[in-house]
Structures are given as C-alpha cells and as structure tokens.
Amino acid sequence: MMHEKDQEEQAIKRMASLLRQGLTLTELACPACSSPLFRVKSGELWCEKCQKKVIVVKEGEEMSRVTSSMALEKLEDTLLSKIQEIQNKMQQTTDVEELQKLSTALSNLLESLEKIRRAKKV
C-alpha cells in the first residue's frame, strides 16, 4: 500500500510531466484537494492530483448554464463513441439490410451531433 508521502511524490512527478508536455500551471487551486490546476491546450482546467477536469463558475455566471454545457459535452462524447461503433460494424458486415439499418442510425446520430454542436455555440 502506497504511503501518503509516496502518493504526494507521484503527484508531483506527474505535474512536472504535464509541464514538460506544454500544459500551463495556473494560479488557481482545485476546490477538492487544493492542488494547483493546469490549463490544457483546449483551455480546460485539469487537476492532476484528482485526475479530473475542473470547471470554474465565475461570480454572477449561472450554474445551470455551466451544468448544461457539461451535459452537452458529455452527450457529444457519447454520440462520437456510438458513431465510431457503427462505423466499425459497417466495415465488418456484408448484409445489405444490416448496412441500411446502420446507415439510418449513423445519419440520425450525425444529425443529433450537429444539433448539439449548434447548441454549444449559443
């Protein structure tokens, strides 16, 4: 079992690795563990110690808007995963009926993905 000091040292080593990879150390601290937060290239904040993305809600910003944005992002990830699954099935099947069903499902997923991406821009 790893001791607390060993866990802390491992977290520090991972943080140093993030800096070498080009992530930016911010002045912000994780609300859960107080560890420094890193800004990834996409602009998101990351806590290496908790191994989680951190969302900062600015004063006056509606929590529901942030929650909604997170939900759309999660839904987008799910749709992309399902699109990949359908693509793999399409490559493996030679059954015309199955291909038609997969094609219809793919078309619906792509349409939903487009709607989500439009909603994220609002």
Protein backbone atom coordinates (compact mmCIF):
# COMPACT_ATOMS: atom_id res chain seq x y z
CA MET A 1 0.00 0.00 0.00
CA MET A 2 1.39 3.37 -1.03
CA HIS A 3 2.04 5.83 1.78
CA GLU A 4 0.66 9.37 1.66
CA LYS A 5 4.16 10.81 1.12
CA ASP A 6 4.74 8.43 -1.81
CA GLN A 7 1.38 9.41 -3.33
CA GLU A 8 2.31 13.09 -2.98
CA GLU A 9 5.67 12.48 -4.67
CA GLN A 10 3.97 10.62 -7.52
CA ALA A 11 1.51 13.50 -7.99
CA ILE A 12 4.39 15.99 -8.12
CA LYS A 13 6.20 13.86 -10.72
CA ARG A 14 3.03 13.71 -12.85
CA MET A 15 2.64 17.51 -12.54
CA ALA A 16 6.24 18.04 -13.71
CA SER A 17 5.49 15.75 -16.66
CA LEU A 18 2.44 17.90 -17.57
CA LEU A 19 4.63 20.99 -17.63
CA ARG A 20 7.10 19.23 -19.94
CA GLN A 21 4.15 18.33 -22.20
CA GLY A 22 3.30 22.03 -22.57
CA LEU A 23 0.40 22.41 -20.13
CA THR A 24 0.26 25.71 -18.26
CA LEU A 25 0.35 25.92 -14.48
CA THR A 26 -2.33 28.37 -13.31
CA GLU A 27 -2.73 30.43 -10.15
CA LEU A 28 -5.95 28.53 -9.43
CA ALA A 29 -6.29 25.69 -6.90
CA CYS A 30 -8.50 22.63 -7.06
CA PRO A 31 -11.60 23.13 -4.91
CA ALA A 32 -11.44 19.46 -3.81
CA CYS A 33 -7.76 18.98 -2.91
CA SER A 34 -6.19 22.48 -3.13
CA SER A 35 -3.61 21.22 -5.63
CA PRO A 36 -2.58 23.65 -8.39
CA LEU A 37 -4.63 23.48 -11.59
CA PHE A 38 -3.22 23.14 -15.09
CA ARG A 39 -4.66 24.64 -18.26
CA VAL A 40 -4.68 22.16 -21.14
CA LYS A 41 -4.29 23.28 -24.76
CA SER A 42 -8.08 23.27 -25.28
CA GLY A 43 -8.38 25.84 -22.47
CA GLU A 44 -9.90 23.46 -19.92
CA LEU A 45 -8.59 23.23 -16.37
CA TRP A 46 -7.19 19.94 -15.04
CA CYS A 47 -6.34 18.73 -11.52
CA GLU A 48 -3.59 16.14 -11.83
CA LYS A 49 -3.90 15.03 -8.21
CA CYS A 50 -7.65 14.31 -8.51
CA GLN A 51 -7.29 13.25 -12.16
CA LYS A 52 -10.34 15.35 -13.08
CA LYS A 53 -11.37 18.27 -15.23
CA VAL A 54 -12.30 21.31 -13.15
CA ILE A 55 -14.99 23.80 -14.14
CA VAL A 56 -14.72 27.29 -12.70
CA VAL A 57 -18.00 29.16 -12.29
CA LYS A 58 -17.34 32.88 -12.35
CA GLU A 59 -19.20 35.14 -9.97
CA GLY A 60 -22.54 36.06 -11.48
CA GLU A 61 -22.43 33.21 -14.00
CA GLU A 62 -25.40 30.90 -13.88
CA MET A 63 -24.63 27.46 -12.54
CA SER A 64 -27.36 26.00 -14.75
CA ARG A 65 -25.59 27.29 -17.86
CA VAL A 66 -22.34 25.62 -16.81
CA THR A 67 -24.14 22.38 -15.96
CA SER A 68 -25.94 22.48 -19.29
CA SER A 69 -22.65 22.99 -21.12
CA MET A 70 -21.13 19.99 -19.32
CA ALA A 71 -24.15 17.84 -20.20
CA LEU A 72 -23.88 18.79 -23.89
CA GLU A 73 -20.17 17.96 -23.88
CA LYS A 74 -20.81 14.55 -22.33
CA LEU A 75 -23.59 13.87 -24.82
CA GLU A 76 -21.31 14.86 -27.70
CA ASP A 77 -18.65 12.40 -26.46
CA THR A 78 -21.27 9.63 -26.24
CA LEU A 79 -22.51 10.31 -29.78
CA LEU A 80 -18.97 10.28 -31.16
CA SER A 81 -18.37 6.94 -29.47
CA LYS A 82 -21.58 5.49 -30.94
CA ILE A 83 -20.70 6.82 -34.41
CA GLN A 84 -17.36 5.00 -34.15
CA GLU A 85 -19.12 1.79 -33.10
CA ILE A 86 -21.47 1.97 -36.11
CA GLN A 87 -18.57 2.68 -38.46
CA ASN A 88 -16.80 -0.45 -37.17
CA LYS A 89 -19.95 -2.55 -37.66
CA MET A 90 -20.42 -1.17 -41.18
CA GLN A 91 -16.89 -2.22 -42.11
CA GLN A 92 -17.48 -5.76 -40.85
CA THR A 93 -20.88 -6.53 -42.38
CA THR A 94 -21.78 -7.52 -45.90
CA ASP A 95 -25.52 -7.87 -45.20
CA VAL A 96 -27.35 -5.19 -47.21
CA GLU A 97 -30.26 -4.95 -44.74
CA GLU A 98 -27.86 -4.53 -41.83
CA LEU A 99 -25.96 -1.84 -43.76
CA GLN A 100 -29.22 0.04 -44.38
CA LYS A 101 -30.10 -0.06 -40.66
CA LEU A 102 -26.62 1.06 -39.69
CA SER A 103 -26.70 3.82 -42.29
CA THR A 104 -30.00 5.14 -40.93
CA ALA A 105 -28.70 5.03 -37.36
CA LEU A 106 -25.49 6.79 -38.44
CA SER A 107 -27.46 9.50 -40.21
CA ASN A 108 -29.57 10.09 -37.07
CA LEU A 109 -26.51 10.23 -34.85
CA LEU A 110 -24.76 12.71 -37.16
CA GLU A 111 -27.87 14.88 -37.19
CA SER A 112 -28.00 14.83 -33.39
CA LEU A 113 -24.29 15.63 -33.20
CA GLU A 114 -24.80 18.64 -35.46
CA LYS A 115 -27.66 19.88 -33.24
CA ILE A 116 -25.55 19.55 -30.11
CA ARG A 117 -22.65 21.43 -31.68
CA ARG A 118 -25.03 24.24 -32.69
CA ALA A 119 -26.46 24.35 -29.16
CA LYS A 120 -22.94 24.59 -27.68
CA LYS A 121 -22.26 27.72 -29.76
CA VAL A 122 -25.29 29.58 -28.36
